Amino acid sequence: MLRLIASVIQAIQPLLVPICFVGAWTLVILVVWSLWATARDSVATAKQMHQIPCPGCQFFTDDYRLKCTVHPSIANTEEAISCSDFQAKTNPYLY
């Protein structure tokens, strides 16, 4: 049994270096691709979240208990991007 294992190892030994080389580079490429996809998705999400107009709205209270006096259930969510009741704050010190 031990001779069989030794002969199998000797038979595949010339192939181990190319297999490990390809495997290592495949792993590096997959990690870089995953990081790139994560960064791309994070930027897309950040762009969408920056479209939420709530902090600049007059009805936004900036209180975690009641964020908006008109639509408290959709305040600071993606649904608030197209809020029909948005009114810009008139006092610049309220930001």
Protein backbone atom coordinates (compact mmCIF):
# COMPACT_ATOMS: atom_id res chain seq x y z
CA MET A 1 0.00 0.00 0.00
CA LEU A 2 2.83 2.38 0.90
CA ARG A 3 4.58 1.61 -2.40
CA LEU A 4 1.38 2.40 -4.29
CA ILE A 5 1.09 5.80 -2.63
CA ALA A 6 4.78 6.51 -3.26
CA SER A 7 4.47 5.61 -6.92
CA VAL A 8 1.37 7.81 -7.34
CA ILE A 9 3.17 10.75 -5.73
CA GLN A 10 6.19 10.24 -8.00
CA ALA A 11 3.92 10.03 -11.04
CA ILE A 12 2.13 13.33 -10.35
CA GLN A 13 5.16 15.19 -9.00
CA PRO A 14 6.05 16.84 -12.35
CA LEU A 15 2.47 18.15 -12.59
CA LEU A 16 2.32 19.62 -9.08
CA VAL A 17 4.25 22.80 -9.87
CA PRO A 18 2.07 23.83 -12.85
CA ILE A 19 -1.12 22.88 -11.01
CA CYS A 20 -0.12 24.88 -7.93
CA PHE A 21 0.96 27.83 -10.12
CA VAL A 22 -2.37 27.91 -11.95
CA GLY A 23 -4.28 27.35 -8.72
CA ALA A 24 -2.49 30.17 -6.90
CA TRP A 25 -3.04 32.65 -9.72
CA THR A 26 -6.67 31.60 -10.03
CA LEU A 27 -7.13 32.29 -6.33
CA VAL A 28 -5.45 35.71 -6.63
CA ILE A 29 -7.61 36.63 -9.63
CA LEU A 30 -10.79 35.54 -7.83
CA VAL A 31 -9.91 37.60 -4.75
CA VAL A 32 -9.16 40.70 -6.83
CA TRP A 33 -12.36 40.21 -8.83
CA SER A 34 -14.38 39.85 -5.63
CA LEU A 35 -12.85 43.01 -4.16
CA TRP A 36 -13.54 44.91 -7.39
CA ALA A 37 -17.17 43.74 -7.46
CA THR A 38 -17.64 44.70 -3.82
CA ALA A 39 -16.17 48.17 -4.38
CA ARG A 40 -18.31 48.69 -7.50
CA ASP A 41 -21.49 47.67 -5.69
CA SER A 42 -20.61 49.85 -2.69
CA VAL A 43 -20.13 52.89 -4.91
CA ALA A 44 -23.46 52.24 -6.65
CA THR A 45 -25.24 51.91 -3.30
CA ALA A 46 -23.58 55.08 -1.98
CA LYS A 47 -24.65 57.03 -5.08
CA GLN A 48 -28.22 55.87 -4.60
CA MET A 49 -28.23 56.70 -0.89
CA HIS A 50 -26.92 60.21 -1.60
CA GLN A 51 -30.05 60.84 -3.65
CA ILE A 52 -32.23 60.62 -0.53
CA PRO A 53 -33.36 64.21 0.11
CA CYS A 54 -34.52 63.78 3.72
CA PRO A 55 -31.75 65.72 5.54
CA GLY A 56 -32.50 68.77 3.41
CA CYS A 57 -36.27 68.63 3.94
CA GLN A 58 -38.16 70.99 6.20
CA PHE A 59 -40.17 68.11 7.70
CA PHE A 60 -37.07 66.12 8.67
CA THR A 61 -36.60 66.27 12.46
CA ASP A 62 -33.16 64.59 12.75
CA ASP A 63 -34.48 62.64 15.74
CA TYR A 64 -34.26 58.85 15.72
CA ARG A 65 -37.73 58.50 17.26
CA LEU A 66 -39.54 60.54 14.61
CA LYS A 67 -37.41 61.20 11.56
CA CYS A 68 -40.10 62.81 9.45
CA THR A 69 -43.36 64.40 10.51
CA VAL A 70 -45.10 63.72 7.19
CA HIS A 71 -43.83 60.25 6.19
CA PRO A 72 -42.11 58.66 9.20
CA SER A 73 -42.19 55.15 7.72
CA ILE A 74 -40.20 56.00 4.59
CA ALA A 75 -37.82 58.62 5.98
CA ASN A 76 -34.18 57.97 5.07
CA THR A 77 -35.07 55.01 2.85
CA GLU A 78 -34.91 54.48 -0.90
CA GLU A 79 -38.64 55.13 -1.09
CA ALA A 80 -38.02 58.73 0.01
CA ILE A 81 -36.08 59.53 -3.19
CA SER A 82 -39.32 60.33 -4.98
CA CYS A 83 -41.10 61.95 -2.03
CA SER A 84 -43.80 64.29 -3.29
CA ASP A 85 -43.95 66.25 -0.02
CA PHE A 86 -40.30 67.36 -0.05
CA GLN A 87 -39.79 71.00 0.83
CA ALA A 88 -36.32 72.42 1.11
CA LYS A 89 -35.32 73.91 4.46
CA THR A 90 -35.61 77.68 4.39
CA ASN A 91 -33.19 78.34 7.25
CA PRO A 92 -29.61 77.35 6.31
CA TYR A 93 -28.72 76.83 9.98
CA LEU A 94 -31.14 73.89 10.24
CA TYR A 95 -28.90 71.54 8.26
